[in-house]
């Protein structure tokens, strides 16, 4: 039995099955490409986040210690520096 059709039987669905499988393969390849592109984008964004966190730490280290404390106590600053991919 091939494509759900018993040998020797006649079905109007017997011939379109290969075309359907080809279409499904094309769609799977498209989806795999989308997933691959998204994985690359995520990796790039993680590098960007790491770089920005490093630059933020460097910038604060150059500020007067009294002013630095007012910056580092801001919740968004803490969130930015403490964020990590789970």
Protein backbone atom coordinates (compact mmCIF):
# COMPACT_ATOMS: atom_id res chain seq x y z
CA UNK A 1 0.00 0.00 0.00
CA UNK A 2 1.39 3.40 -1.00
CA UNK A 3 -0.01 6.77 0.08
CA UNK A 4 -2.93 5.08 1.76
CA UNK A 5 -4.17 3.34 -1.39
CA UNK A 6 -4.26 -0.44 -1.62
CA UNK A 7 -2.44 -2.00 -4.56
CA UNK A 8 -4.73 -2.43 -7.55
CA UNK A 9 -7.43 -0.12 -6.24
CA UNK A 10 -8.44 2.96 -8.15
CA UNK A 11 -8.83 6.19 -6.28
CA UNK A 12 -9.10 9.76 -7.45
CA UNK A 13 -6.72 10.65 -4.58
CA UNK A 14 -3.95 8.27 -5.61
CA UNK A 15 -2.12 10.61 -8.02
CA UNK A 16 -2.22 13.96 -6.14
CA UNK A 17 -0.50 12.45 -3.08
CA UNK A 18 3.04 12.87 -4.43
CA UNK A 19 2.34 16.52 -5.32
CA UNK A 20 0.92 17.04 -1.86
CA UNK A 21 4.03 15.52 -0.31
CA UNK A 22 6.23 17.77 -2.43
CA UNK A 23 4.22 20.80 -1.32
CA UNK A 24 4.51 19.70 2.30
CA UNK A 25 8.26 19.28 1.90
CA UNK A 26 8.53 22.79 0.46
CA UNK A 27 6.50 24.19 3.36
CA UNK A 28 8.63 22.30 5.89
CA UNK A 29 11.78 23.71 4.28
CA UNK A 30 10.31 27.23 4.44
CA UNK A 31 9.45 26.78 8.11
CA UNK A 32 12.92 25.39 8.87
CA UNK A 33 14.43 28.47 7.20
CA UNK A 34 12.23 30.76 9.28
CA UNK A 35 13.24 28.95 12.47
CA UNK A 36 16.91 29.10 11.48
CA UNK A 37 16.64 32.83 10.75
CA UNK A 38 14.93 33.44 14.09
CA UNK A 39 17.63 31.44 15.92
CA UNK A 40 20.31 33.62 14.27
CA UNK A 41 18.38 36.77 15.17
CA UNK A 42 18.07 35.65 18.79
CA UNK A 43 21.79 34.91 18.95
CA UNK A 44 22.57 38.36 17.55
CA UNK A 45 20.24 40.00 20.06
CA UNK A 46 21.87 38.13 22.94
CA UNK A 47 25.27 39.43 21.83
CA UNK A 48 23.81 42.93 21.59
CA UNK A 49 22.36 42.69 25.11
CA UNK A 50 25.68 41.49 26.49
CA UNK A 51 27.51 44.35 24.77
CA UNK A 52 25.04 46.94 26.04
CA UNK A 53 25.28 45.60 29.58
CA UNK A 54 29.08 45.85 29.42
CA UNK A 55 28.92 49.38 28.04
CA UNK A 56 26.43 50.40 30.73
CA UNK A 57 28.75 49.13 33.45
CA UNK A 58 31.68 50.98 31.86
CA UNK A 59 29.72 54.22 31.56
CA UNK A 60 28.61 54.13 35.20
CA UNK A 61 32.17 53.47 36.33
CA UNK A 62 33.17 56.80 34.75
CA UNK A 63 30.51 58.80 36.63
CA UNK A 64 31.16 60.49 39.95
CA UNK A 65 30.46 57.88 42.70
CA UNK A 66 27.72 60.05 44.25
CA UNK A 67 25.89 60.32 40.93
CA UNK A 68 26.59 56.68 40.07
CA UNK A 69 24.62 55.56 43.10
CA UNK A 70 21.55 57.50 41.95
CA UNK A 71 21.86 55.77 38.58
CA UNK A 72 22.51 52.24 39.83
CA UNK A 73 19.56 52.33 42.25
CA UNK A 74 17.07 52.86 39.43
CA UNK A 75 15.04 49.69 38.91
CA UNK A 76 15.40 49.72 35.12
CA UNK A 77 19.20 49.90 35.49
CA UNK A 78 19.16 46.89 37.79
CA UNK A 79 16.85 45.00 35.46
CA UNK A 80 19.07 45.74 32.43
CA UNK A 81 22.24 44.59 34.14
CA UNK A 82 20.69 41.53 35.78
CA UNK A 83 18.85 40.22 32.72
CA UNK A 84 20.08 36.82 31.54
CA UNK A 85 18.66 34.35 29.09
CA UNK A 86 17.07 31.49 30.98
